[in-house]
Each structure stands twice: as C-alpha cells, then as structure tokens.
Amino acid sequence: MPEAIEPIPKEFRTCPVDPRFPNQNQTRYCYNSYLKFHRCKKVRGEDFEACQYFRKCYKSLCPNDWVSKWDEQVAEDRFPGNI
C-alpha cells in the first residue's frame, strides 16, 4: 500500500501567468521582473513585500548566468537598463 502523499505547499514556485508576456517566451518577463525589483529596491528597500515578489519572479524565470552578469553590471554602474 503506498504511503500518504504530502500536500503541495500553497506557495508558488514560479510567477503566475501574465497576459502581457507570451507563455512560449519568458525572456521579456524575466528582464522586466529584474528591472522592477531593482527599481522597487531603490525606492522602498529590499525587504518590501512587493520587491520580494519581483525578486522571486526573476529568480525563477531568468537563467543564473544572466542574473550574475546583470548583478555585476549593476555593481559596476554599467547596466544598460533604466533602474
């Protein structure tokens, strides 16, 4: 007899569907979430709940290589996006 399966936590593991971004290509959604996180962090601080939402989105959508490259560029003040 199989053991009882634990319920899945109600927290989302990735971002919810956003009709502005097609499901087939999440690149824009990833980049937009990264920009929104850094803009929010600049205005409200990193611990603000809305900022954490954008952080979770870009962490789940963006490839790690992109994020590390963008973080490097932000630290060196040469990121091409408007933060």
PDB file of N, CA and C in Angstrom:
ATOM      1  N   MET A   1       0.848  -1.176   0.000  1.00  0.00           N
ATOM      2  CA  MET A   1       0.000   0.000   0.000  1.00  0.00           C
ATOM      3  C   MET A   1       0.899   1.248   0.000  1.00  0.00           C
ATOM      4  N   PRO A   2       0.695   2.201  -0.926  1.00  0.00           N
ATOM      5  CA  PRO A   2       1.538   3.405  -0.973  1.00  0.00           C
ATOM      6  C   PRO A   2       1.304   4.294   0.243  1.00  0.00           C
ATOM      7  N   GLU A   3       2.384   4.989   0.597  1.00  0.00           N
ATOM      8  CA  GLU A   3       2.294   5.917   1.727  1.00  0.00           C
ATOM      9  C   GLU A   3       1.526   7.163   1.299  1.00  0.00           C
ATOM     10  N   ALA A   4       1.024   7.865   2.295  1.00  0.00           N
ATOM     11  CA  ALA A   4       0.273   9.092   2.009  1.00  0.00           C
ATOM     12  C   ALA A   4       1.210  10.137   1.393  1.00  0.00           C
ATOM     13  N   ILE A   5       0.718  10.807   0.401  1.00  0.00           N
ATOM     14  CA  ILE A   5       1.489  11.845  -0.272  1.00  0.00           C
ATOM     15  C   ILE A   5       1.269  13.156   0.461  1.00  0.00           C
ATOM     16  N   GLU A   6       2.377  13.850   0.736  1.00  0.00           N
ATOM     17  CA  GLU A   6       2.271  15.135   1.421  1.00  0.00           C
ATOM     18  C   GLU A   6       1.679  16.169   0.468  1.00  0.00           C
ATOM     19  N   PRO A   7       0.821  17.053   0.979  1.00  0.00           N
ATOM     20  CA  PRO A   7       0.235  18.081   0.105  1.00  0.00           C
ATOM     21  C   PRO A   7       1.297  19.068  -0.359  1.00  0.00           C
ATOM     22  N   ILE A   8       1.089  19.586  -1.550  1.00  0.00           N
ATOM     23  CA  ILE A   8       1.988  20.590  -2.119  1.00  0.00           C
ATOM     24  C   ILE A   8       1.746  21.908  -1.400  1.00  0.00           C
ATOM     25  N   PRO A   9       2.821  22.604  -0.996  1.00  0.00           N
ATOM     26  CA  PRO A   9       2.611  23.895  -0.333  1.00  0.00           C
ATOM     27  C   PRO A   9       1.901  24.877  -1.266  1.00  0.00           C
ATOM     28  N   LYS A  10       1.169  25.794  -0.688  1.00  0.00           N
ATOM     29  CA  LYS A  10       0.385  26.741  -1.482  1.00  0.00           C
ATOM     30  C   LYS A  10       1.231  27.857  -2.081  1.00  0.00           C
ATOM     31  N   GLU A  11       2.483  27.964  -1.690  1.00  0.00           N
ATOM     32  CA  GLU A  11       3.363  28.980  -2.257  1.00  0.00           C
ATOM     33  C   GLU A  11       3.631  28.643  -3.720  1.00  0.00           C
ATOM     34  N   PHE A  12       3.712  29.667  -4.556  1.00  0.00           N
ATOM     35  CA  PHE A  12       4.008  29.407  -5.954  1.00  0.00           C
ATOM     36  C   PHE A  12       5.506  29.207  -6.130  1.00  0.00           C
ATOM     37  N   ARG A  13       5.863  28.383  -7.079  1.00  0.00           N
ATOM     38  CA  ARG A  13       7.268  28.103  -7.343  1.00  0.00           C
ATOM     39  C   ARG A  13       7.796  28.957  -8.495  1.00  0.00           C
ATOM     40  N   THR A  14       6.916  29.516  -9.252  1.00  0.00           N
ATOM     41  CA  THR A  14       7.295  30.407 -10.337  1.00  0.00           C
ATOM     42  C   THR A  14       6.251  31.522 -10.405  1.00  0.00           C
ATOM     43  N   CYS A  15       6.427  32.435 -11.292  1.00  0.00           N
ATOM     44  CA  CYS A  15       5.497  33.562 -11.383  1.00  0.00           C
ATOM     45  C   CYS A  15       4.177  33.126 -11.999  1.00  0.00           C
ATOM     46  N   PRO A  16       3.115  33.790 -11.601  1.00  0.00           N
ATOM     47  CA  PRO A  16       1.830  33.478 -12.230  1.00  0.00           C
ATOM     48  C   PRO A  16       1.820  33.948 -13.687  1.00  0.00           C
ATOM     49  N   VAL A  17       0.880  33.471 -14.440  1.00  0.00           N
ATOM     50  CA  VAL A  17       0.766  33.837 -15.850  1.00  0.00           C
ATOM     51  C   VAL A  17       0.457  35.330 -15.956  1.00  0.00           C
ATOM     52  N   ASP A  18       1.170  35.991 -16.822  1.00  0.00           N
ATOM     53  CA  ASP A  18       0.957  37.413 -17.076  1.00  0.00           C
ATOM     54  C   ASP A  18       0.597  37.550 -18.552  1.00  0.00           C
ATOM     55  N   PRO A  19      -0.603  38.038 -18.870  1.00  0.00           N
ATOM     56  CA  PRO A  19      -1.030  38.088 -20.273  1.00  0.00           C
ATOM     57  C   PRO A  19      -0.189  39.026 -21.138  1.00  0.00           C
ATOM     58  N   ARG A  20       0.603  39.891 -20.528  1.00  0.00           N
ATOM     59  CA  ARG A  20       1.457  40.786 -21.322  1.00  0.00           C
ATOM     60  C   ARG A  20       2.624  40.052 -21.962  1.00  0.00           C
ATOM     61  N   PHE A  21       2.945  38.876 -21.416  1.00  0.00           N
ATOM     62  CA  PHE A  21       4.088  38.121 -21.909  1.00  0.00           C
ATOM     63  C   PHE A  21       3.623  36.756 -22.392  1.00  0.00           C
ATOM     64  N   PRO A  22       3.977  36.375 -23.612  1.00  0.00           N
ATOM     65  CA  PRO A  22       3.543  35.071 -24.134  1.00  0.00           C
ATOM     66  C   PRO A  22       4.190  33.927 -23.345  1.00  0.00           C
ATOM     67  N   ASN A  23       3.469  32.839 -23.219  1.00  0.00           N
ATOM     68  CA  ASN A  23       3.970  31.696 -22.456  1.00  0.00           C
ATOM     69  C   ASN A  23       5.170  31.030 -23.119  1.00  0.00           C
ATOM     70  N   GLN A  24       5.293  31.137 -24.425  1.00  0.00           N
ATOM     71  CA  GLN A  24       6.375  30.471 -25.121  1.00  0.00           C
ATOM     72  C   GLN A  24       7.721  31.133 -24.875  1.00  0.00           C
ATOM     73  N   ASN A  25       7.740  32.435 -24.666  1.00  0.00           N
ATOM     74  CA  ASN A  25       8.990  33.157 -24.496  1.00  0.00           C
ATOM     75  C   ASN A  25       8.911  34.004 -23.232  1.00  0.00           C
ATOM     76  N   GLN A  26       9.644  33.617 -22.221  1.00  0.00           N
ATOM     77  CA  GLN A  26       9.603  34.312 -20.936  1.00  0.00           C
ATOM     78  C   GLN A  26      10.754  35.305 -20.761  1.00  0.00           C
ATOM     79  N   THR A  27      11.505  35.579 -21.811  1.00  0.00           N
ATOM     80  CA  THR A  27      12.663  36.464 -21.715  1.00  0.00           C
ATOM     81  C   THR A  27      12.275  37.866 -21.271  1.00  0.00           C
ATOM     82  N   ARG A  28      11.255  38.440 -21.884  1.00  0.00           N
ATOM     83  CA  ARG A  28      10.830  39.789 -21.509  1.00  0.00           C
ATOM     84  C   ARG A  28      10.312  39.829 -20.079  1.00  0.00           C
ATOM     85  N   TYR A  29       9.579  38.797 -19.678  1.00  0.00           N
ATOM     86  CA  TYR A  29       9.041  38.700 -18.321  1.00  0.00           C
ATOM     87  C   TYR A  29      10.199  38.664 -17.310  1.00  0.00           C
ATOM     88  N   CYS A  30      11.218  37.898 -17.630  1.00  0.00           N
ATOM     89  CA  CYS A  30      12.409  37.793 -16.789  1.00  0.00           C
ATOM     90  C   CYS A  30      13.080  39.161 -16.646  1.00  0.00           C
ATOM     91  N   TYR A  31      13.380  39.799 -17.750  1.00  0.00           N
ATOM     92  CA  TYR A  31      14.081  41.088 -17.751  1.00  0.00           C
ATOM     93  C   TYR A  31      13.247  42.156 -17.054  1.00  0.00           C
ATOM     94  N   ASN A  32      11.967  42.188 -17.329  1.00  0.00           N
ATOM     95  CA  ASN A  32      11.073  43.169 -16.720  1.00  0.00           C
ATOM     96  C   ASN A  32      11.022  42.982 -15.197  1.00  0.00           C
ATOM     97  N   SER A  33      10.963  41.748 -14.743  1.00  0.00           N
ATOM     98  CA  SER A  33      10.934  41.475 -13.300  1.00  0.00           C
ATOM     99  C   SER A  33      12.241  41.904 -12.645  1.00  0.00           C
ATOM    100  N   TYR A  34      13.356  41.689 -13.323  1.00  0.00           N
ATOM    101  CA  TYR A  34      14.654  42.112 -12.801  1.00  0.00           C
ATOM    102  C   TYR A  34      14.696  43.632 -12.646  1.00  0.00           C
ATOM    103  N   LEU A  35      14.259  44.334 -13.687  1.00  0.00           N
ATOM    104  CA  LEU A  35      14.233  45.798 -13.615  1.00  0.00           C
ATOM    105  C   LEU A  35      13.307  46.292 -12.508  1.00  0.00           C
ATOM    106  N   LYS A  36      12.114  45.717 -12.422  1.00  0.00           N
ATOM    107  CA  LYS A  36      11.147  46.152 -11.412  1.00  0.00           C
ATOM    108  C   LYS A  36      11.655  45.891 -10.006  1.00  0.00           C
ATOM    109  N   PHE A  37      12.359  44.779  -9.797  1.00  0.00           N
ATOM    110  CA  PHE A  37      12.926  44.501  -8.486  1.00  0.00           C
ATOM    111  C   PHE A  37      13.920  45.594  -8.100  1.00  0.00           C
ATOM    112  N   HIS A  38      14.820  45.927  -9.000  1.00  0.00           N
ATOM    113  CA  HIS A  38      15.848  46.918  -8.669  1.00  0.00           C
ATOM    114  C   HIS A  38      15.262  48.327  -8.523  1.00  0.00           C
ATOM    115  N   ARG A  39      14.251  48.644  -9.288  1.00  0.00           N
ATOM    116  CA  ARG A  39      13.584  49.938  -9.117  1.00  0.00           C
ATOM    117  C   ARG A  39      12.873  50.000  -7.769  1.00  0.00           C
ATOM    118  N   CYS A  40      12.186  48.918  -7.426  1.00  0.00           N
ATOM    119  CA  CYS A  40      11.464  48.841  -6.158  1.00  0.00           C
ATOM    120  C   CYS A  40      12.448  48.912  -4.988  1.00  0.00           C
ATOM    121  N   LYS A  41      13.543  48.180  -5.109  1.00  0.00           N
ATOM    122  CA  LYS A  41      14.574  48.160  -4.062  1.00  0.00           C
ATOM    123  C   LYS A  41      15.148  49.562  -3.849  1.00  0.00           C
ATOM    124  N   LYS A  42      15.321  50.284  -4.922  1.00  0.00           N
ATOM    125  CA  LYS A  42      15.871  51.633  -4.852  1.00  0.00           C
ATOM    126  C   LYS A  42      14.926  52.582  -4.114  1.00  0.00           C
ATOM    127  N   VAL A  43      13.619  52.418  -4.324  1.00  0.00           N
ATOM    128  CA  VAL A  43      12.621  53.316  -3.742  1.00  0.00           C
ATOM    129  C   VAL A  43      12.171  52.854  -2.358  1.00  0.00           C
ATOM    130  N   ARG A  44      11.860  51.575  -2.206  1.00  0.00           N
ATOM    131  CA  ARG A  44      11.234  51.057  -0.979  1.00  0.00           C
ATOM    132  C   ARG A  44      12.167  50.267  -0.074  1.00  0.00           C
ATOM    133  N   GLY A  45      13.264  49.786  -0.607  1.00  0.00           N
ATOM    134  CA  GLY A  45      14.149  48.928   0.171  1.00  0.00           C
ATOM    135  C   GLY A  45      13.917  47.472  -0.199  1.00  0.00           C
ATOM    136  N   GLU A  46      14.939  46.667  -0.005  1.00  0.00           N
ATOM    137  CA  GLU A  46      14.899  45.277  -0.455  1.00  0.00           C
ATOM    138  C   GLU A  46      13.882  44.429   0.298  1.00  0.00           C
ATOM    139  N   ASP A  47      13.559  44.765   1.537  1.00  0.00           N
ATOM    140  CA  ASP A  47      12.664  43.940   2.355  1.00  0.00           C
ATOM    141  C   ASP A  47      11.185  44.204   2.110  1.00  0.00           C
ATOM    142  N   PHE A  48      10.856  45.166   1.277  1.00  0.00           N
ATOM    143  CA  PHE A  48       9.462  45.479   0.981  1.00  0.00           C
ATOM    144  C   PHE A  48       8.823  44.280   0.264  1.00  0.00           C
ATOM    145  N   GLU A  49       7.590  43.944   0.631  1.00  0.00           N
ATOM    146  CA  GLU A  49       6.937  42.726   0.127  1.00  0.00           C
ATOM    147  C   GLU A  49       6.819  42.699  -1.401  1.00  0.00           C
ATOM    148  N   ALA A  50       6.452  43.808  -2.000  1.00  0.00           N
ATOM    149  CA  ALA A  50       6.319  43.852  -3.462  1.00  0.00           C
ATOM    150  C   ALA A  50       7.675  43.616  -4.134  1.00  0.00           C
ATOM    151  N   CYS A  51       8.721  44.136  -3.550  1.00  0.00           N
ATOM    152  CA  CYS A  51      10.060  43.922  -4.108  1.00  0.00           C
ATOM    153  C   CYS A  51      10.420  42.441  -4.073  1.00  0.00           C
ATOM    154  N   GLN A  52      10.064  41.774  -2.998  1.00  0.00           N
ATOM    155  CA  GLN A  52      10.355  40.343  -2.876  1.00  0.00           C
ATOM    156  C   GLN A  52       9.591  39.535  -3.920  1.00  0.00           C
ATOM    157  N   TYR A  53       8.382  39.985  -4.269  1.00  0.00           N
ATOM    158  CA  TYR A  53       7.608  39.321  -5.327  1.00  0.00           C
ATOM    159  C   TYR A  53       8.380  39.357  -6.648  1.00  0.00           C
ATOM    160  N   PHE A  54       8.889  40.532  -7.019  1.00  0.00           N
ATOM    161  CA  PHE A  54       9.646  40.667  -8.271  1.00  0.00           C
ATOM    162  C   PHE A  54      10.938  39.864  -8.211  1.00  0.00           C
ATOM    163  N   ARG A  55      11.547  39.816  -7.043  1.00  0.00           N
ATOM    164  CA  ARG A  55      12.777  39.040  -6.873  1.00  0.00           C
ATOM    165  C   ARG A  55      12.503  37.555  -7.112  1.00  0.00           C
ATOM    166  N   LYS A  56      11.422  37.040  -6.535  1.00  0.00           N
ATOM    167  CA  LYS A  56      11.063  35.633  -6.737  1.00  0.00           C
ATOM    168  C   LYS A  56      10.801  35.357  -8.216  1.00  0.00           C
ATOM    169  N   CYS A  57      10.148  36.298  -8.879  1.00  0.00           N
ATOM    170  CA  CYS A  57       9.854  36.120 -10.307  1.00  0.00           C
ATOM    171  C   CYS A  57      11.128  36.030 -11.134  1.00  0.00           C
ATOM    172  N   TYR A  58      12.025  36.986 -10.959  1.00  0.00           N
ATOM    173  CA  TYR A  58      13.211  36.939 -11.812  1.00  0.00           C
ATOM    174  C   TYR A  58      14.123  35.783 -11.433  1.00  0.00           C
ATOM    175  N   LYS A  59      14.131  35.396 -10.162  1.00  0.00           N
ATOM    176  CA  LYS A  59      14.951  34.248  -9.753  1.00  0.00           C
ATOM    177  C   LYS A  59      14.426  32.948 -10.361  1.00  0.00           C
ATOM    178  N   SER A  60      13.114  32.845 -10.528  1.00  0.00           N
ATOM    179  CA  SER A  60      12.564  31.611 -11.079  1.00  0.00           C
ATOM    180  C   SER A  60      12.545  31.602 -12.609  1.00  0.00           C
ATOM    181  N   LEU A  61      12.530  32.767 -13.249  1.00  0.00           N
ATOM    182  CA  LEU A  61      12.425  32.833 -14.706  1.00  0.00           C
ATOM    183  C   LEU A  61      13.770  32.991 -15.418  1.00  0.00           C
ATOM    184  N   CYS A  62      14.679  33.739 -14.835  1.00  0.00           N
ATOM    185  CA  CYS A  62      15.927  34.091 -15.517  1.00  0.00           C
ATOM    186  C   CYS A  62      17.002  33.025 -15.324  1.00  0.00           C
ATOM    187  N   PRO A  63      17.779  32.763 -16.362  1.00  0.00           N
ATOM    188  CA  PRO A  63      18.932  31.874 -16.203  1.00  0.00           C
ATOM    189  C   PRO A  63      19.951  32.497 -15.230  1.00  0.00           C
ATOM    190  N   ASN A  64      20.594  31.666 -14.439  1.00  0.00           N
ATOM    191  CA  ASN A  64      21.545  32.155 -13.435  1.00  0.00           C
ATOM    192  C   ASN A  64      22.689  32.948 -14.052  1.00  0.00           C
ATOM    193  N   ASP A  65      23.128  32.571 -15.233  1.00  0.00           N
ATOM    194  CA  ASP A  65      24.211  33.302 -15.901  1.00  0.00           C
ATOM    195  C   ASP A  65      23.816  34.743 -16.192  1.00  0.00           C
ATOM    196  N   TRP A  66      22.593  34.931 -16.638  1.00  0.00           N
ATOM    197  CA  TRP A  66      22.121  36.284 -16.917  1.00  0.00           C
ATOM    198  C   TRP A  66      22.098  37.115 -15.648  1.00  0.00           C
ATOM    199  N   VAL A  67      21.556  36.544 -14.594  1.00  0.00           N
ATOM    200  CA  VAL A  67      21.424  37.276 -13.333  1.00  0.00           C
ATOM    201  C   VAL A  67      22.795  37.667 -12.794  1.00  0.00           C
ATOM    202  N   SER A  68      23.739  36.750 -12.822  1.00  0.00           N
ATOM    203  CA  SER A  68      25.074  37.087 -12.311  1.00  0.00           C
ATOM    204  C   SER A  68      25.729  38.165 -13.180  1.00  0.00           C
ATOM    205  N   LYS A  69      25.524  38.096 -14.489  1.00  0.00           N
ATOM    206  CA  LYS A  69      26.079  39.119 -15.383  1.00  0.00           C
ATOM    207  C   LYS A  69      25.431  40.480 -15.108  1.00  0.00           C
ATOM    208  N   TRP A  70      24.102  40.487 -14.960  1.00  0.00           N
ATOM    209  CA  TRP A  70      23.399  41.739 -14.688  1.00  0.00           C
ATOM    210  C   TRP A  70      23.779  42.309 -13.325  1.00  0.00           C
ATOM    211  N   ASP A  71      23.922  41.444 -12.316  1.00  0.00           N
ATOM    212  CA  ASP A  71      24.327  41.911 -10.986  1.00  0.00           C
ATOM    213  C   ASP A  71      25.705  42.552 -11.036  1.00  0.00           C
ATOM    214  N   GLU A  72      26.599  41.954 -11.803  1.00  0.00           N
ATOM    215  CA  GLU A  72      27.929  42.521 -12.000  1.00  0.00           C
ATOM    216  C   GLU A  72      27.834  43.905 -12.633  1.00  0.00           C
ATOM    217  N   GLN A  73      27.008  44.022 -13.673  1.00  0.00           N
ATOM    218  CA  GLN A  73      26.859  45.296 -14.369  1.00  0.00           C
ATOM    219  C   GLN A  73      26.230  46.353 -13.464  1.00  0.00           C
ATOM    220  N   VAL A  74      25.268  45.970 -12.643  1.00  0.00           N
ATOM    221  CA  VAL A  74      24.643  46.913 -11.714  1.00  0.00           C
ATOM    222  C   VAL A  74      25.673  47.386 -10.707  1.00  0.00           C
ATOM    223  N   ALA A  75      26.486  46.479 -10.179  1.00  0.00           N
ATOM    224  CA  ALA A  75      27.511  46.829  -9.198  1.00  0.00           C
ATOM    225  C   ALA A  75      28.549  47.784  -9.789  1.00  0.00           C
ATOM    226  N   GLU A  76      28.854  47.607 -11.075  1.00  0.00           N
ATOM    227  CA  GLU A  76      29.824  48.463 -11.749  1.00  0.00           C
ATOM    228  C   GLU A  76      29.192  49.699 -12.382  1.00  0.00           C
ATOM    229  N   ASP A  77      27.888  49.878 -12.178  1.00  0.00           N
ATOM    230  CA  ASP A  77      27.133  51.023 -12.692  1.00  0.00           C
ATOM    231  C   ASP A  77      27.214  51.131 -14.216  1.00  0.00           C
ATOM    232  N   ARG A  78      27.115  49.997 -14.891  1.00  0.00           N
ATOM    233  CA  ARG A  78      27.113  49.989 -16.358  1.00  0.00           C
ATOM    234  C   ARG A  78      25.990  49.119 -16.915  1.00  0.00           C
ATOM    235  N   PHE A  79      24.949  48.885 -16.116  1.00  0.00           N
ATOM    236  CA  PHE A  79      23.807  48.100 -16.569  1.00  0.00           C
ATOM    237  C   PHE A  79      23.033  48.908 -17.612  1.00  0.00           C
ATOM    238  N   PRO A  80      22.686  48.292 -18.755  1.00  0.00           N
ATOM    239  CA  PRO A  80      22.042  49.053 -19.826  1.00  0.00           C
ATOM    240  C   PRO A  80      20.593  49.441 -19.554  1.00  0.00           C
ATOM    241  N   GLY A  81      19.937  48.791 -18.612  1.00  0.00           N
ATOM    242  CA  GLY A  81      18.528  49.096 -18.325  1.00  0.00           C
ATOM    243  C   GLY A  81      18.377  50.350 -17.493  1.00  0.00           C
ATOM    244  N   ASN A  82      17.184  50.899 -17.473  1.00  0.00           N
ATOM    245  CA  ASN A  82      16.889  52.116 -16.721  1.00  0.00           C
ATOM    246  C   ASN A  82      16.388  51.743 -15.318  1.00  0.00           C
ATOM    247  N   ILE A  83      17.304  51.764 -14.361  1.00  0.00           N
ATOM    248  CA  ILE A  83      16.933  51.416 -12.976  1.00  0.00           C
ATOM    249  C   ILE A  83      16.709  52.680 -12.186  1.00  0.00           C
TER     250      ILE A  83
END
